[in-house]
Amino acid sequence: MTVAFYLSFLALGLMVLGNRVPYLFLVVASHLATVVIVYPWYRIAVFRAAGGSWIAGYLRFYAVGLGFLAMSLVGLPVLVELVGMQVLAAQFAVMAVSALGGYAVNKSWTFRDRRKV
């Protein structure tokens, strides 16, 4: 779900704004919009987190997201500028590499039941 939202926002931004806005700016904007939208879904449906502060959970979720954003901001210029990939294909490649790590970190840290710690 996160990938679908994020890539949709990024594709829409690239289509509408084209080269008038740097693609890395669109990456950051798409990331911010996606994190705000998907956090409730992850909290309620994916990890079924009960109790605890929504704000503290969101901040942990966002911290994990910042790691992915950093990977994109480093990996995309390499793949786009040096390798010659299209932005969406390059972003998909970066996301594929980082997806499993993100799930593991979110499960073990962001959404763990803190009452059992």
Protein backbone atom coordinates (compact mmCIF):
# COMPACT_ATOMS: atom_id res chain seq x y z
CA MET A 1 0.00 0.00 0.00
CA THR A 2 2.79 2.41 0.90
CA VAL A 3 4.53 1.74 -2.41
CA ALA A 4 1.30 2.35 -4.34
CA PHE A 5 0.61 5.68 -2.62
CA TYR A 6 4.19 6.87 -2.84
CA LEU A 7 4.76 5.92 -6.49
CA SER A 8 1.37 7.38 -7.42
CA PHE A 9 2.23 10.71 -5.81
CA LEU A 10 5.68 10.71 -7.42
CA ALA A 11 4.32 9.76 -10.87
CA LEU A 12 1.64 12.43 -10.65
CA GLY A 13 4.21 15.04 -9.63
CA LEU A 14 6.51 14.03 -12.48
CA MET A 15 3.62 14.12 -14.98
CA VAL A 16 2.22 17.46 -13.86
CA LEU A 17 5.43 19.31 -13.07
CA GLY A 18 7.89 17.56 -15.38
CA ASN A 19 11.31 19.19 -15.34
CA ARG A 20 10.07 22.42 -13.74
CA VAL A 21 10.71 20.97 -10.28
CA PRO A 22 13.72 18.83 -9.38
CA TYR A 23 12.76 15.18 -9.03
CA LEU A 24 14.38 15.01 -5.59
CA PHE A 25 11.97 17.71 -4.37
CA LEU A 26 9.09 15.56 -5.65
CA VAL A 27 10.59 12.57 -3.83
CA VAL A 28 10.56 14.49 -0.54
CA ALA A 29 7.01 15.82 -1.07
CA SER A 30 5.72 12.36 -2.04
CA HIS A 31 7.40 10.86 1.00
CA LEU A 32 5.83 13.38 3.39
CA ALA A 33 2.34 12.90 1.95
CA THR A 34 2.64 9.13 2.02
CA VAL A 35 3.83 8.90 5.63
CA VAL A 36 0.92 11.02 6.85
CA ILE A 37 -1.62 8.94 4.92
CA VAL A 38 -0.37 5.41 5.63
CA TYR A 39 0.52 5.64 9.33
CA PRO A 40 -3.05 5.05 10.60
CA TRP A 41 -3.39 2.01 8.32
CA TYR A 42 -0.11 0.53 9.55
CA ARG A 43 -1.02 1.18 13.17
CA ILE A 44 -4.55 -0.23 13.01
CA ALA A 45 -4.51 -2.91 10.31
CA VAL A 46 -0.98 -4.06 9.55
CA PHE A 47 0.64 -4.23 12.98
CA ARG A 48 -2.55 -3.99 15.09
CA ALA A 49 -0.82 -1.76 17.62
CA ALA A 50 -2.87 -1.30 20.75
CA GLY A 51 -2.37 1.34 23.36
CA GLY A 52 0.47 3.79 23.48
CA SER A 53 0.60 7.24 22.07
CA TRP A 54 -0.33 7.78 18.43
CA ILE A 55 2.06 10.73 18.29
CA ALA A 56 5.02 8.80 19.72
CA GLY A 57 4.23 5.95 17.33
CA TYR A 58 4.02 8.37 14.42
CA LEU A 59 7.40 9.87 15.33
CA ARG A 60 8.99 6.41 15.40
CA PHE A 61 7.28 5.55 12.10
CA TYR A 62 8.55 8.80 10.60
CA ALA A 63 12.08 8.13 11.86
CA VAL A 64 12.04 4.81 9.99
CA GLY A 65 10.66 6.66 6.97
CA LEU A 66 13.50 9.15 7.12
CA GLY A 67 15.90 6.25 6.65
CA PHE A 68 14.08 5.32 3.46
CA LEU A 69 14.05 8.91 2.33
CA ALA A 70 17.80 9.13 2.87
CA MET A 71 18.29 5.96 0.82
CA SER A 72 16.25 7.51 -1.99
CA LEU A 73 18.09 10.82 -1.85
CA VAL A 74 21.41 8.98 -2.15
CA GLY A 75 20.40 6.13 -4.47
CA LEU A 76 18.27 8.01 -6.97
CA PRO A 77 20.93 10.41 -8.25
CA VAL A 78 23.28 7.46 -8.72
CA LEU A 79 20.72 5.45 -10.67
CA VAL A 80 19.22 8.38 -12.59
CA GLU A 81 22.25 10.55 -13.30
CA LEU A 82 25.02 7.95 -13.54
CA VAL A 83 23.25 4.79 -14.70
CA GLY A 84 20.61 6.58 -16.80
CA MET A 85 17.47 4.98 -15.34
CA GLN A 86 14.11 6.73 -15.40
CA VAL A 87 13.14 8.27 -12.05
CA LEU A 88 10.23 5.90 -11.31
CA ALA A 89 12.21 2.79 -12.25
CA ALA A 90 15.12 3.93 -10.12
CA GLN A 91 12.84 4.68 -7.17
CA PHE A 92 11.22 1.27 -7.49
CA ALA A 93 14.68 -0.35 -7.42
CA VAL A 94 15.67 1.58 -4.29
CA MET A 95 12.39 0.66 -2.61
CA ALA A 96 12.74 -3.02 -3.49
CA VAL A 97 16.13 -3.14 -1.78
CA SER A 98 14.88 -1.46 1.39
CA ALA A 99 11.39 -2.98 1.82
CA LEU A 100 12.22 -6.00 3.96
CA GLY A 101 14.37 -3.98 6.31
CA GLY A 102 11.60 -1.47 6.80
CA TYR A 103 9.06 -4.11 7.71
CA ALA A 104 11.42 -5.66 10.25
CA VAL A 105 12.24 -2.30 11.89
CA ASN A 106 8.60 -1.23 12.03
CA LYS A 107 7.52 -4.57 13.51
CA SER A 108 10.26 -4.73 16.12
CA TRP A 109 10.51 -1.05 17.10
CA THR A 110 7.80 1.25 15.78
CA PHE A 111 4.76 -0.88 16.55
CA ARG A 112 5.93 -3.28 19.26
CA ASP A 113 3.70 -3.60 22.29
CA ARG A 114 5.49 -1.41 24.81
CA ARG A 115 3.39 -2.77 27.66
CA LYS A 116 5.22 -6.08 27.31
CA VAL A 117 8.70 -4.55 27.43
